[in-house]
PDB file of N, CA and C in Angstrom:
ATOM      1  N   MET A   1      77.121 185.940 109.133  1.00  0.00           N
ATOM      2  CA  MET A   1      75.784 185.207 109.430  1.00  0.00           C
ATOM      3  C   MET A   1      75.629 184.479 110.944  1.00  0.00           C
ATOM      4  N   LEU A   2      76.445 183.589 110.779  1.00  0.00           N
ATOM      5  CA  LEU A   2      76.828 182.978 111.528  1.00  0.00           C
ATOM      6  C   LEU A   2      77.471 182.786 112.973  1.00  0.00           C
ATOM      7  N   ALA A   3      78.446 183.816 112.647  1.00  0.00           N
ATOM      8  CA  ALA A   3      78.958 184.402 114.096  1.00  0.00           C
ATOM      9  C   ALA A   3      77.587 185.327 114.610  1.00  0.00           C
ATOM     10  N   LEU A   4      76.947 185.724 114.461  1.00  0.00           N
ATOM     11  CA  LEU A   4      76.167 186.749 114.625  1.00  0.00           C
ATOM     12  C   LEU A   4      74.611 185.802 115.649  1.00  0.00           C
ATOM     13  N   LYS A   5      74.428 184.869 114.706  1.00  0.00           N
ATOM     14  CA  LYS A   5      73.345 183.826 115.464  1.00  0.00           C
ATOM     15  C   LYS A   5      74.308 182.869 116.690  1.00  0.00           C
ATOM     16  N   LEU A   6      75.696 183.149 116.702  1.00  0.00           N
ATOM     17  CA  LEU A   6      76.083 181.845 118.113  1.00  0.00           C
ATOM     18  C   LEU A   6      76.201 183.188 118.838  1.00  0.00           C
ATOM     19  N   ALA A   7      76.592 184.588 118.468  1.00  0.00           N
ATOM     20  CA  ALA A   7      76.359 185.167 119.287  1.00  0.00           C
ATOM     21  C   ALA A   7      75.298 185.408 120.105  1.00  0.00           C
ATOM     22  N   GLU A   8      74.223 185.459 119.365  1.00  0.00           N
ATOM     23  CA  GLU A   8      72.405 185.685 119.880  1.00  0.00           C
ATOM     24  C   GLU A   8      72.349 184.356 120.876  1.00  0.00           C
ATOM     25  N   LEU A   9      72.566 183.024 120.386  1.00  0.00           N
ATOM     26  CA  LEU A   9      72.699 181.506 120.977  1.00  0.00           C
ATOM     27  C   LEU A   9      73.019 182.196 122.627  1.00  0.00           C
ATOM     28  N   HIS A  10      74.260 182.778 122.602  1.00  0.00           N
ATOM     29  CA  HIS A  10      74.986 182.822 123.983  1.00  0.00           C
ATOM     30  C   HIS A  10      74.360 184.167 125.098  1.00  0.00           C
ATOM     31  N   LEU A  11      73.699 184.839 124.472  1.00  0.00           N
ATOM     32  CA  LEU A  11      73.013 186.484 124.714  1.00  0.00           C
ATOM     33  C   LEU A  11      71.546 185.642 125.361  1.00  0.00           C
ATOM     34  N   ILE A  12      70.770 184.907 124.819  1.00  0.00           N
ATOM     35  CA  ILE A  12      69.744 184.272 124.811  1.00  0.00           C
ATOM     36  C   ILE A  12      69.705 182.937 126.059  1.00  0.00           C
ATOM     37  N   ASP A  13      70.872 182.265 126.050  1.00  0.00           N
ATOM     38  CA  ASP A  13      70.691 181.418 127.156  1.00  0.00           C
ATOM     39  C   ASP A  13      71.870 182.092 128.185  1.00  0.00           C
ATOM     40  N   GLU A  14      72.246 183.359 128.166  1.00  0.00           N
ATOM     41  CA  GLU A  14      72.410 184.466 129.459  1.00  0.00           C
ATOM     42  C   GLU A  14      71.375 185.220 130.254  1.00  0.00           C
ATOM     43  N   VAL A  15      70.414 185.404 129.153  1.00  0.00           N
ATOM     44  CA  VAL A  15      69.072 186.221 129.836  1.00  0.00           C
ATOM     45  C   VAL A  15      67.902 185.231 130.089  1.00  0.00           C
ATOM     46  N   ILE A  16      67.871 184.058 129.517  1.00  0.00           N
ATOM     47  CA  ILE A  16      66.586 183.491 129.833  1.00  0.00           C
ATOM     48  C   ILE A  16      67.235 182.059 130.920  1.00  0.00           C
ATOM     49  N   GLY A  17      68.595 181.744 130.836  1.00  0.00           N
ATOM     50  CA  GLY A  17      68.799 180.852 131.327  1.00  0.00           C
ATOM     51  C   GLY A  17      68.700 179.519 131.413  1.00  0.00           C
ATOM     52  N   GLU A  18      67.928 178.957 129.946  1.00  0.00           N
ATOM     53  CA  GLU A  18      68.376 178.231 129.632  1.00  0.00           C
ATOM     54  C   GLU A  18      68.561 178.156 128.097  1.00  0.00           C
ATOM     55  N   PRO A  19      69.267 177.098 127.348  1.00  0.00           N
ATOM     56  CA  PRO A  19      69.861 177.235 126.008  1.00  0.00           C
ATOM     57  C   PRO A  19      68.689 176.747 124.877  1.00  0.00           C
ATOM     58  N   PRO A  20      68.921 177.758 123.834  1.00  0.00           N
ATOM     59  CA  PRO A  20      67.707 177.855 123.035  1.00  0.00           C
ATOM     60  C   PRO A  20      67.920 177.054 121.947  1.00  0.00           C
ATOM     61  N   LEU A  21      67.446 176.330 121.422  1.00  0.00           N
ATOM     62  CA  LEU A  21      67.104 175.231 120.035  1.00  0.00           C
ATOM     63  C   LEU A  21      67.324 175.807 118.663  1.00  0.00           C
ATOM     64  N   LEU A  22      68.576 175.579 117.883  1.00  0.00           N
ATOM     65  CA  LEU A  22      69.397 175.844 117.033  1.00  0.00           C
ATOM     66  C   LEU A  22      68.943 174.952 115.967  1.00  0.00           C
ATOM     67  N   LEU A  23      68.246 175.670 114.819  1.00  0.00           N
ATOM     68  CA  LEU A  23      67.869 174.770 113.720  1.00  0.00           C
ATOM     69  C   LEU A  23      68.667 175.315 112.398  1.00  0.00           C
ATOM     70  N   LEU A  24      69.970 174.268 111.569  1.00  0.00           N
ATOM     71  CA  LEU A  24      70.368 175.296 110.746  1.00  0.00           C
ATOM     72  C   LEU A  24      70.167 174.058 109.627  1.00  0.00           C
ATOM     73  N   ASP A  25      69.728 174.459 108.422  1.00  0.00           N
ATOM     74  CA  ASP A  25      69.275 174.070 107.258  1.00  0.00           C
ATOM     75  C   ASP A  25      70.262 174.305 106.175  1.00  0.00           C
ATOM     76  N   ASP A  26      70.910 173.015 106.151  1.00  0.00           N
ATOM     77  CA  ASP A  26      71.787 172.513 104.807  1.00  0.00           C
ATOM     78  C   ASP A  26      72.978 173.942 105.086  1.00  0.00           C
ATOM     79  N   VAL A  27      73.442 174.232 105.936  1.00  0.00           N
ATOM     80  CA  VAL A  27      74.508 175.236 105.810  1.00  0.00           C
ATOM     81  C   VAL A  27      75.658 174.572 105.981  1.00  0.00           C
ATOM     82  N   LEU A  28      75.783 173.442 106.549  1.00  0.00           N
ATOM     83  CA  LEU A  28      77.722 172.753 106.262  1.00  0.00           C
ATOM     84  C   LEU A  28      77.526 172.788 104.408  1.00  0.00           C
ATOM     85  N   ALA A  29      76.772 172.654 103.638  1.00  0.00           N
ATOM     86  CA  ALA A  29      76.931 172.515 102.583  1.00  0.00           C
ATOM     87  C   ALA A  29      77.756 173.948 102.170  1.00  0.00           C
ATOM     88  N   GLU A  30      77.637 175.056 102.094  1.00  0.00           N
ATOM     89  CA  GLU A  30      78.079 176.371 102.212  1.00  0.00           C
ATOM     90  C   GLU A  30      79.073 176.966 102.867  1.00  0.00           C
ATOM     91  N   LEU A  31      79.885 175.679 103.528  1.00  0.00           N
ATOM     92  CA  LEU A  31      81.413 175.951 104.674  1.00  0.00           C
ATOM     93  C   LEU A  31      82.290 174.444 104.166  1.00  0.00           C
ATOM     94  N   ASP A  32      83.842 175.289 103.844  1.00  0.00           N
ATOM     95  CA  ASP A  32      84.464 174.554 103.625  1.00  0.00           C
ATOM     96  C   ASP A  32      84.797 173.604 104.653  1.00  0.00           C
ATOM     97  N   LEU A  33      85.388 172.341 104.851  1.00  0.00           N
ATOM     98  CA  LEU A  33      85.654 171.385 106.199  1.00  0.00           C
ATOM     99  C   LEU A  33      86.121 172.079 107.246  1.00  0.00           C
ATOM    100  N   ASN A  34      87.123 173.106 107.180  1.00  0.00           N
ATOM    101  CA  ASN A  34      87.573 173.269 108.105  1.00  0.00           C
ATOM    102  C   ASN A  34      86.760 174.141 109.011  1.00  0.00           C
ATOM    103  N   ARG A  35      85.555 175.180 108.323  1.00  0.00           N
ATOM    104  CA  ARG A  35      84.543 175.909 108.664  1.00  0.00           C
ATOM    105  C   ARG A  35      83.265 175.146 109.100  1.00  0.00           C
ATOM    106  N   GLN A  36      82.920 174.197 109.044  1.00  0.00           N
ATOM    107  CA  GLN A  36      82.152 173.261 109.143  1.00  0.00           C
ATOM    108  C   GLN A  36      83.078 172.851 110.609  1.00  0.00           C
ATOM    109  N   ASN A  37      83.944 172.316 110.727  1.00  0.00           N
ATOM    110  CA  ASN A  37      84.533 172.080 112.106  1.00  0.00           C
ATOM    111  C   ASN A  37      84.379 172.990 113.204  1.00  0.00           C
ATOM    112  N   GLN A  38      84.542 174.247 112.667  1.00  0.00           N
ATOM    113  CA  GLN A  38      84.863 175.067 113.732  1.00  0.00           C
ATOM    114  C   GLN A  38      83.090 175.468 113.785  1.00  0.00           C
ATOM    115  N   LEU A  39      82.016 175.094 113.320  1.00  0.00           N
ATOM    116  CA  LEU A  39      80.698 175.718 113.238  1.00  0.00           C
ATOM    117  C   LEU A  39      80.575 174.290 114.880  1.00  0.00           C
ATOM    118  N   LEU A  40      80.608 173.336 114.116  1.00  0.00           N
ATOM    119  CA  LEU A  40      80.305 172.512 114.924  1.00  0.00           C
ATOM    120  C   LEU A  40      80.973 172.230 116.247  1.00  0.00           C
ATOM    121  N   GLU A  41      82.337 173.173 116.464  1.00  0.00           N
ATOM    122  CA  GLU A  41      83.098 172.984 117.562  1.00  0.00           C
ATOM    123  C   GLU A  41      82.239 174.190 118.815  1.00  0.00           C
ATOM    124  N   ALA A  42      81.776 174.952 118.055  1.00  0.00           N
ATOM    125  CA  ALA A  42      81.338 176.102 118.788  1.00  0.00           C
ATOM    126  C   ALA A  42      80.230 176.164 119.379  1.00  0.00           C
ATOM    127  N   ILE A  43      78.979 174.809 118.345  1.00  0.00           N
ATOM    128  CA  ILE A  43      78.015 174.468 119.564  1.00  0.00           C
ATOM    129  C   ILE A  43      78.631 173.095 120.257  1.00  0.00           C
ATOM    130  N   GLN A  44      78.716 172.438 119.937  1.00  0.00           N
ATOM    131  CA  GLN A  44      79.305 170.760 120.347  1.00  0.00           C
ATOM    132  C   GLN A  44      77.999 170.438 121.371  1.00  0.00           C
ATOM    133  N   ASP A  45      77.940 170.670 122.667  1.00  0.00           N
ATOM    134  CA  ASP A  45      76.742 170.431 123.466  1.00  0.00           C
ATOM    135  C   ASP A  45      76.210 171.090 124.168  1.00  0.00           C
ATOM    136  N   ARG A  46      76.077 172.083 123.585  1.00  0.00           N
ATOM    137  CA  ARG A  46      76.005 173.508 124.331  1.00  0.00           C
ATOM    138  C   ARG A  46      74.476 173.987 123.990  1.00  0.00           C
ATOM    139  N   PHE A  47      74.082 173.711 123.057  1.00  0.00           N
ATOM    140  CA  PHE A  47      72.871 173.757 122.130  1.00  0.00           C
ATOM    141  C   PHE A  47      72.424 172.696 121.424  1.00  0.00           C
ATOM    142  N   GLN A  48      70.988 172.399 121.585  1.00  0.00           N
ATOM    143  CA  GLN A  48      70.422 171.328 121.018  1.00  0.00           C
ATOM    144  C   GLN A  48      70.050 171.858 119.748  1.00  0.00           C
ATOM    145  N   THR A  49      70.503 171.007 118.468  1.00  0.00           N
ATOM    146  CA  THR A  49      70.833 171.754 117.512  1.00  0.00           C
ATOM    147  C   THR A  49      69.971 170.753 116.517  1.00  0.00           C
ATOM    148  N   ILE A  50      69.691 171.316 115.720  1.00  0.00           N
ATOM    149  CA  ILE A  50      69.104 170.259 114.237  1.00  0.00           C
ATOM    150  C   ILE A  50      69.606 170.592 113.044  1.00  0.00           C
ATOM    151  N   VAL A  51      70.103 169.755 112.683  1.00  0.00           N
ATOM    152  CA  VAL A  51      71.117 170.178 111.261  1.00  0.00           C
ATOM    153  C   VAL A  51      70.536 169.410 109.794  1.00  0.00           C
ATOM    154  N   THR A  52      70.375 170.191 108.913  1.00  0.00           N
ATOM    155  CA  THR A  52      69.536 169.138 107.894  1.00  0.00           C
ATOM    156  C   THR A  52      70.631 169.345 106.614  1.00  0.00           C
ATOM    157  N   THR A  53      70.491 168.391 106.268  1.00  0.00           N
ATOM    158  CA  THR A  53      71.179 168.165 104.844  1.00  0.00           C
ATOM    159  C   THR A  53      71.278 167.035 104.011  1.00  0.00           C
ATOM    160  N   THR A  54      71.333 167.458 102.463  1.00  0.00           N
ATOM    161  CA  THR A  54      71.205 166.021 102.044  1.00  0.00           C
ATOM    162  C   THR A  54      72.731 165.239 101.722  1.00  0.00           C
ATOM    163  N   HIS A  55      73.617 165.101 102.328  1.00  0.00           N
ATOM    164  CA  HIS A  55      74.918 164.741 102.342  1.00  0.00           C
ATOM    165  C   HIS A  55      75.361 164.069 103.711  1.00  0.00           C
ATOM    166  N   LEU A  56      75.667 163.389 103.925  1.00  0.00           N
ATOM    167  CA  LEU A  56      76.266 162.893 105.422  1.00  0.00           C
ATOM    168  C   LEU A  56      77.194 162.863 105.307  1.00  0.00           C
ATOM    169  N   GLY A  57      78.068 162.440 103.946  1.00  0.00           N
ATOM    170  CA  GLY A  57      79.344 162.819 103.981  1.00  0.00           C
ATOM    171  C   GLY A  57      80.129 163.874 104.013  1.00  0.00           C
ATOM    172  N   ALA A  58      79.416 164.851 104.167  1.00  0.00           N
ATOM    173  CA  ALA A  58      79.877 166.084 104.667  1.00  0.00           C
ATOM    174  C   ALA A  58      80.151 166.178 105.885  1.00  0.00           C
ATOM    175  N   PHE A  59      79.741 165.445 106.901  1.00  0.00           N
ATOM    176  CA  PHE A  59      80.262 165.760 108.599  1.00  0.00           C
ATOM    177  C   PHE A  59      81.243 164.372 108.794  1.00  0.00           C
ATOM    178  N   ASP A  60      82.144 165.580 109.758  1.00  0.00           N
ATOM    179  CA  ASP A  60      83.441 164.605 110.003  1.00  0.00           C
ATOM    180  C   ASP A  60      83.223 163.421 110.837  1.00  0.00           C
ATOM    181  N   SER A  61      83.727 162.189 110.990  1.00  0.00           N
ATOM    182  CA  SER A  61      83.135 160.717 111.625  1.00  0.00           C
ATOM    183  C   SER A  61      83.221 161.210 113.089  1.00  0.00           C
ATOM    184  N   GLN A  62      84.127 161.737 113.310  1.00  0.00           N
ATOM    185  CA  GLN A  62      84.057 162.595 114.931  1.00  0.00           C
ATOM    186  C   GLN A  62      82.187 163.424 115.706  1.00  0.00           C
ATOM    187  N   TRP A  63      81.695 163.530 114.664  1.00  0.00           N
ATOM    188  CA  TRP A  63      80.379 164.366 114.815  1.00  0.00           C
ATOM    189  C   TRP A  63      79.307 163.368 114.571  1.00  0.00           C
ATOM    190  N   MET A  64      79.351 162.422 113.564  1.00  0.00           N
ATOM    191  CA  MET A  64      78.423 161.455 113.137  1.00  0.00           C
ATOM    192  C   MET A  64      78.258 160.484 113.985  1.00  0.00           C
ATOM    193  N   THR A  65      79.501 160.303 114.980  1.00  0.00           N
ATOM    194  CA  THR A  65      79.261 159.296 116.572  1.00  0.00           C
ATOM    195  C   THR A  65      78.397 159.749 117.572  1.00  0.00           C
ATOM    196  N   SER A  66      78.683 161.271 117.595  1.00  0.00           N
ATOM    197  CA  SER A  66      78.137 162.221 118.579  1.00  0.00           C
ATOM    198  C   SER A  66      77.065 162.481 118.634  1.00  0.00           C
ATOM    199  N   SER A  67      75.850 161.916 117.425  1.00  0.00           N
ATOM    200  CA  SER A  67      74.729 162.866 116.659  1.00  0.00           C
ATOM    201  C   SER A  67      73.367 161.369 116.816  1.00  0.00           C
ATOM    202  N   GLN A  68      72.716 162.004 117.155  1.00  0.00           N
ATOM    203  CA  GLN A  68      71.385 161.283 116.335  1.00  0.00           C
ATOM    204  C   GLN A  68      70.710 161.577 114.591  1.00  0.00           C
ATOM    205  N   ILE A  69      70.894 160.396 113.990  1.00  0.00           N
ATOM    206  CA  ILE A  69      71.069 160.588 112.799  1.00  0.00           C
ATOM    207  C   ILE A  69      69.614 160.224 112.315  1.00  0.00           C
ATOM    208  N   LEU A  70      68.964 161.543 111.933  1.00  0.00           N
ATOM    209  CA  LEU A  70      67.322 160.838 110.872  1.00  0.00           C
ATOM    210  C   LEU A  70      67.431 161.317 109.476  1.00  0.00           C
ATOM    211  N   THR A  71      66.595 160.115 108.916  1.00  0.00           N
ATOM    212  CA  THR A  71      66.089 160.588 107.505  1.00  0.00           C
ATOM    213  C   THR A  71      64.986 160.379 107.292  1.00  0.00           C
ATOM    214  N   VAL A  72      64.338 160.861 106.250  1.00  0.00           N
ATOM    215  CA  VAL A  72      63.048 160.968 105.765  1.00  0.00           C
ATOM    216  C   VAL A  72      63.471 160.272 104.461  1.00  0.00           C
ATOM    217  N   GLN A  73      62.424 159.242 104.535  1.00  0.00           N
ATOM    218  CA  GLN A  73      62.152 158.287 103.127  1.00  0.00           C
ATOM    219  C   GLN A  73      60.820 158.183 103.149  1.00  0.00           C
ATOM    220  N   GLN A  74      60.524 158.660 101.693  1.00  0.00           N
ATOM    221  CA  GLN A  74      59.364 158.493 101.292  1.00  0.00           C
ATOM    222  C   GLN A  74      58.192 159.002 102.297  1.00  0.00           C
ATOM    223  N   GLY A  75      58.599 160.270 102.977  1.00  0.00           N
ATOM    224  CA  GLY A  75      57.173 160.340 104.177  1.00  0.00           C
ATOM    225  C   GLY A  75      57.642 160.267 105.401  1.00  0.00           C
ATOM    226  N   GLN A  76      58.264 159.119 105.708  1.00  0.00           N
ATOM    227  CA  GLN A  76      58.562 158.493 106.725  1.00  0.00           C
ATOM    228  C   GLN A  76      60.239 158.696 107.477  1.00  0.00           C
ATOM    229  N   LEU A  77      59.945 158.964 108.692  1.00  0.00           N
ATOM    230  CA  LEU A  77      61.231 159.130 109.759  1.00  0.00           C
ATOM    231  C   LEU A  77      61.413 157.854 110.261  1.00  0.00           C
ATOM    232  N   GLU A  78      63.046 158.205 110.229  1.00  0.00           N
ATOM    233  CA  GLU A  78      63.608 156.361 110.322  1.00  0.00           C
ATOM    234  C   GLU A  78      65.236 156.978 111.057  1.00  0.00           C
ATOM    235  N   ALA A  79      65.088 156.576 112.581  1.00  0.00           N
ATOM    236  CA  ALA A  79      66.140 156.308 113.133  1.00  0.00           C
ATOM    237  C   ALA A  79      67.635 155.679 112.934  1.00  0.00           C
ATOM    238  N   HIS A  80      68.799 155.936 112.328  1.00  0.00           N
ATOM    239  CA  HIS A  80      69.621 155.506 112.123  1.00  0.00           C
ATOM    240  C   HIS A  80      70.058 154.772 113.297  1.00  0.00           C
ATOM    241  N   PRO A  81      70.888 153.561 113.235  1.00  0.00           N
ATOM    242  CA  PRO A  81      71.191 152.991 114.767  1.00  0.00           C
ATOM    243  C   PRO A  81      72.842 153.538 114.893  1.00  0.00           C
TER     244      PRO A  81
END
């Protein structure tokens, strides 16, 4: 399914000429570490991506440093420094 989504992103980018927004809802929980890294490498800076997760520890430190991290606490959105 993810391979299809990635192909769809590339097609939209080629046809419209602007990269689409990619939303991934807790998808990393379903993947092993190797496949997580493959997915994140395929996305990199090519697409604006929003990834939801319940466990930040699932992300490699390389991806954590290049990401903007937001959390929701009691209905309030908080940015991490």
